[in-house]
Amino acid sequence: MVTVEVCIGSACYVKGSNEVVTILQELIKEKGWEDQVNVKGAFCMQVCTQGLGLRVNGKQLLGVGLHNVKEVLLQEITAALA
C-alpha cells in the first residue's frame, strides 16, 4: 500500500492543495490504484516555501505545484508500487 499525504494547512490550501486532492483521486481512478493507494490529509509539513506539501510513503516531495503535480505523483506512485 502506498500512502500519499497532502498538506491541508492554510498556506498549501491557498496554493491549491484542494485541487491536488482532486487530481490525485482522478489519477488513482484512471490507473486502477484504488486498492493500492491511500490518500491522507496532513497538517503543515514546513515546506511552504518549496511548493505544496506532499509526501509519498514518508518521502517529502519538493518543488511541486499545480503545474507539475500530476506528473510528479504518477512518477512517485509508480516507483513506490514497483
N, C-alpha and C. Protein backbone atom coordinates (compact mmCIF):
# COMPACT_ATOMS: atom_id res chain seq x y z
N MET A 1 0.85 -1.19 0.00
CA MET A 1 0.00 0.00 0.00
C MET A 1 0.89 1.24 0.00
N VAL A 2 0.59 2.16 -0.88
CA VAL A 2 1.29 3.43 -0.96
C VAL A 2 0.44 4.48 -0.26
N THR A 3 1.06 5.27 0.60
CA THR A 3 0.36 6.35 1.29
C THR A 3 0.81 7.68 0.74
N VAL A 4 -0.14 8.48 0.29
CA VAL A 4 0.13 9.83 -0.19
C VAL A 4 -0.50 10.80 0.78
N GLU A 5 0.32 11.68 1.34
CA GLU A 5 -0.17 12.69 2.26
C GLU A 5 -0.16 14.05 1.57
N VAL A 6 -1.26 14.77 1.69
CA VAL A 6 -1.41 16.09 1.10
C VAL A 6 -1.63 17.09 2.23
N CYS A 7 -0.80 18.11 2.28
CA CYS A 7 -0.94 19.13 3.32
C CYS A 7 -2.23 19.90 3.11
N ILE A 8 -2.99 20.04 4.19
CA ILE A 8 -4.23 20.82 4.14
C ILE A 8 -4.14 22.06 5.01
N GLY A 9 -2.89 22.43 5.35
CA GLY A 9 -2.67 23.66 6.11
C GLY A 9 -3.06 24.87 5.28
N SER A 10 -3.21 26.00 5.91
CA SER A 10 -3.73 27.18 5.22
C SER A 10 -2.87 27.64 4.05
N ALA A 11 -1.55 27.64 4.17
CA ALA A 11 -0.69 28.09 3.07
C ALA A 11 -0.81 27.16 1.87
N CYS A 12 -0.80 25.87 2.09
CA CYS A 12 -0.93 24.92 0.97
C CYS A 12 -2.34 24.95 0.39
N TYR A 13 -3.33 25.16 1.23
CA TYR A 13 -4.70 25.26 0.73
C TYR A 13 -4.81 26.43 -0.24
N VAL A 14 -4.22 27.56 0.13
CA VAL A 14 -4.25 28.73 -0.75
C VAL A 14 -3.51 28.44 -2.06
N LYS A 15 -2.46 27.62 -2.00
CA LYS A 15 -1.69 27.26 -3.20
C LYS A 15 -2.38 26.20 -4.05
N GLY A 16 -3.46 25.60 -3.54
CA GLY A 16 -4.23 24.67 -4.35
C GLY A 16 -4.23 23.23 -3.90
N SER A 17 -3.95 22.96 -2.63
CA SER A 17 -3.92 21.57 -2.18
C SER A 17 -5.26 20.87 -2.36
N ASN A 18 -6.36 21.62 -2.30
CA ASN A 18 -7.67 21.01 -2.55
C ASN A 18 -7.77 20.51 -3.99
N GLU A 19 -7.16 21.22 -4.93
CA GLU A 19 -7.13 20.78 -6.32
C GLU A 19 -6.21 19.56 -6.48
N VAL A 20 -5.15 19.49 -5.69
CA VAL A 20 -4.25 18.35 -5.72
C VAL A 20 -5.01 17.08 -5.33
N VAL A 21 -5.85 17.17 -4.33
CA VAL A 21 -6.63 16.01 -3.90
C VAL A 21 -7.51 15.52 -5.05
N THR A 22 -8.14 16.43 -5.75
CA THR A 22 -8.99 16.07 -6.89
C THR A 22 -8.16 15.42 -7.99
N ILE A 23 -7.02 16.00 -8.33
CA ILE A 23 -6.13 15.45 -9.35
C ILE A 23 -5.67 14.06 -8.94
N LEU A 24 -5.31 13.90 -7.68
CA LEU A 24 -4.83 12.62 -7.17
C LEU A 24 -5.93 11.57 -7.24
N GLN A 25 -7.14 11.92 -6.84
CA GLN A 25 -8.25 10.97 -6.91
C GLN A 25 -8.54 10.54 -8.34
N GLU A 26 -8.45 11.48 -9.28
CA GLU A 26 -8.66 11.15 -10.70
C GLU A 26 -7.56 10.23 -11.21
N LEU A 27 -6.32 10.50 -10.81
CA LEU A 27 -5.19 9.67 -11.22
C LEU A 27 -5.32 8.25 -10.69
N ILE A 28 -5.71 8.13 -9.44
CA ILE A 28 -5.90 6.81 -8.83
C ILE A 28 -6.98 6.02 -9.58
N LYS A 29 -8.07 6.68 -9.90
CA LYS A 29 -9.15 6.02 -10.64
C LYS A 29 -8.70 5.64 -12.04
N GLU A 30 -8.02 6.57 -12.71
CA GLU A 30 -7.54 6.35 -14.08
C GLU A 30 -6.59 5.15 -14.16
N LYS A 31 -5.73 4.98 -13.16
CA LYS A 31 -4.74 3.91 -13.15
C LYS A 31 -5.22 2.63 -12.47
N GLY A 32 -6.41 2.68 -11.87
CA GLY A 32 -6.94 1.49 -11.20
C GLY A 32 -6.22 1.17 -9.90
N TRP A 33 -5.75 2.20 -9.22
CA TRP A 33 -4.96 2.04 -8.00
C TRP A 33 -5.82 2.13 -6.73
N GLU A 34 -7.11 2.01 -6.84
CA GLU A 34 -7.99 2.21 -5.69
C GLU A 34 -7.61 1.36 -4.48
N ASP A 35 -7.16 0.14 -4.69
CA ASP A 35 -6.80 -0.75 -3.59
C ASP A 35 -5.32 -0.69 -3.23
N GLN A 36 -4.57 0.19 -3.92
CA GLN A 36 -3.13 0.24 -3.70
C GLN A 36 -2.63 1.58 -3.16
N VAL A 37 -3.45 2.62 -3.24
CA VAL A 37 -3.02 3.95 -2.83
C VAL A 37 -4.00 4.51 -1.80
N ASN A 38 -3.46 4.95 -0.68
CA ASN A 38 -4.23 5.55 0.39
C ASN A 38 -3.91 7.04 0.45
N VAL A 39 -4.92 7.88 0.40
CA VAL A 39 -4.73 9.33 0.43
C VAL A 39 -5.12 9.84 1.81
N LYS A 40 -4.22 10.66 2.39
CA LYS A 40 -4.46 11.22 3.72
C LYS A 40 -4.21 12.72 3.70
N GLY A 41 -4.94 13.42 4.51
CA GLY A 41 -4.66 14.83 4.74
C GLY A 41 -3.63 14.94 5.86
N ALA A 42 -2.83 15.98 5.81
CA ALA A 42 -1.81 16.21 6.84
C ALA A 42 -1.74 17.71 7.12
N PHE A 43 -1.32 18.03 8.31
CA PHE A 43 -1.14 19.43 8.64
C PHE A 43 0.26 19.88 8.23
N CYS A 44 0.60 21.10 8.47
CA CYS A 44 1.80 21.73 7.94
C CYS A 44 3.03 20.82 7.94
N MET A 45 3.67 20.75 6.79
CA MET A 45 4.87 19.94 6.60
C MET A 45 6.14 20.80 6.61
N GLN A 46 5.97 22.09 6.85
CA GLN A 46 7.10 23.03 6.95
C GLN A 46 7.87 23.18 5.64
N VAL A 47 7.22 23.01 4.49
CA VAL A 47 7.88 23.18 3.20
C VAL A 47 7.16 24.21 2.32
N CYS A 48 6.44 25.09 2.95
CA CYS A 48 5.60 26.07 2.24
C CYS A 48 6.37 26.88 1.20
N THR A 49 7.62 27.17 1.47
CA THR A 49 8.40 27.97 0.53
C THR A 49 8.95 27.15 -0.63
N GLN A 50 8.77 25.83 -0.58
CA GLN A 50 9.33 24.96 -1.61
C GLN A 50 8.26 24.23 -2.41
N GLY A 51 7.04 24.73 -2.38
CA GLY A 51 5.95 24.12 -3.13
C GLY A 51 4.89 23.59 -2.20
N LEU A 52 4.00 22.81 -2.76
CA LEU A 52 2.92 22.20 -1.99
C LEU A 52 3.47 21.10 -1.10
N GLY A 53 2.86 20.92 0.05
CA GLY A 53 3.28 19.86 0.97
C GLY A 53 2.72 18.52 0.54
N LEU A 54 3.60 17.64 0.05
CA LEU A 54 3.21 16.30 -0.38
C LEU A 54 4.25 15.29 0.07
N ARG A 55 3.77 14.13 0.53
CA ARG A 55 4.67 13.02 0.87
C ARG A 55 4.12 11.74 0.26
N VAL A 56 5.02 10.91 -0.25
CA VAL A 56 4.65 9.58 -0.74
C VAL A 56 5.45 8.58 0.08
N ASN A 57 4.74 7.77 0.84
CA ASN A 57 5.38 6.80 1.76
C ASN A 57 6.44 7.48 2.63
N GLY A 58 6.12 8.67 3.11
CA GLY A 58 7.01 9.40 4.00
C GLY A 58 8.07 10.22 3.31
N LYS A 59 8.24 10.07 2.01
CA LYS A 59 9.24 10.85 1.25
C LYS A 59 8.65 12.21 0.91
N GLN A 60 9.29 13.26 1.41
CA GLN A 60 8.83 14.62 1.15
C GLN A 60 9.15 15.00 -0.29
N LEU A 61 8.15 15.47 -1.01
CA LEU A 61 8.34 15.92 -2.39
C LEU A 61 8.47 17.44 -2.39
N LEU A 62 9.49 17.93 -3.04
CA LEU A 62 9.75 19.37 -3.07
C LEU A 62 9.60 19.90 -4.50
N GLY A 63 9.26 21.17 -4.60
CA GLY A 63 9.14 21.81 -5.91
C GLY A 63 7.89 21.41 -6.68
N VAL A 64 6.89 20.94 -5.97
CA VAL A 64 5.66 20.51 -6.63
C VAL A 64 4.62 21.62 -6.55
N GLY A 65 4.03 21.91 -7.70
CA GLY A 65 2.96 22.89 -7.77
C GLY A 65 1.86 22.33 -8.67
N LEU A 66 0.83 23.11 -8.88
CA LEU A 66 -0.27 22.64 -9.71
C LEU A 66 0.19 22.36 -11.14
N HIS A 67 1.25 23.03 -11.57
CA HIS A 67 1.75 22.86 -12.94
C HIS A 67 2.37 21.49 -13.20
N ASN A 68 2.85 20.80 -12.15
CA ASN A 68 3.54 19.53 -12.36
C ASN A 68 3.10 18.41 -11.43
N VAL A 69 2.08 18.63 -10.64
CA VAL A 69 1.71 17.68 -9.60
C VAL A 69 1.30 16.32 -10.17
N LYS A 70 0.55 16.30 -11.26
CA LYS A 70 0.10 15.01 -11.80
C LYS A 70 1.30 14.18 -12.26
N GLU A 71 2.23 14.79 -12.95
CA GLU A 71 3.40 14.07 -13.45
C GLU A 71 4.27 13.56 -12.31
N VAL A 72 4.47 14.41 -11.30
CA VAL A 72 5.30 14.02 -10.16
C VAL A 72 4.65 12.88 -9.38
N LEU A 73 3.37 12.99 -9.12
CA LEU A 73 2.68 11.92 -8.38
C LEU A 73 2.64 10.62 -9.18
N LEU A 74 2.43 10.71 -10.48
CA LEU A 74 2.46 9.50 -11.32
C LEU A 74 3.80 8.81 -11.21
N GLN A 75 4.87 9.58 -11.30
CA GLN A 75 6.22 9.01 -11.21
C GLN A 75 6.49 8.41 -9.84
N GLU A 76 6.18 9.13 -8.78
CA GLU A 76 6.47 8.68 -7.44
C GLU A 76 5.62 7.47 -7.04
N ILE A 77 4.35 7.49 -7.38
CA ILE A 77 3.49 6.35 -7.00
C ILE A 77 3.86 5.11 -7.81
N THR A 78 4.13 5.28 -9.09
CA THR A 78 4.55 4.15 -9.91
C THR A 78 5.80 3.51 -9.35
N ALA A 79 6.77 4.34 -8.97
CA ALA A 79 8.03 3.83 -8.40
C ALA A 79 7.76 3.11 -7.08
N ALA A 80 6.88 3.66 -6.26
CA ALA A 80 6.58 3.05 -4.95
C ALA A 80 5.85 1.72 -5.10
N LEU A 81 5.08 1.57 -6.17
CA LEU A 81 4.34 0.34 -6.40
C LEU A 81 5.21 -0.76 -7.03
N ALA A 82 6.33 -0.37 -7.59
CA ALA A 82 7.20 -1.34 -8.30
C ALA A 82 7.87 -2.31 -7.33
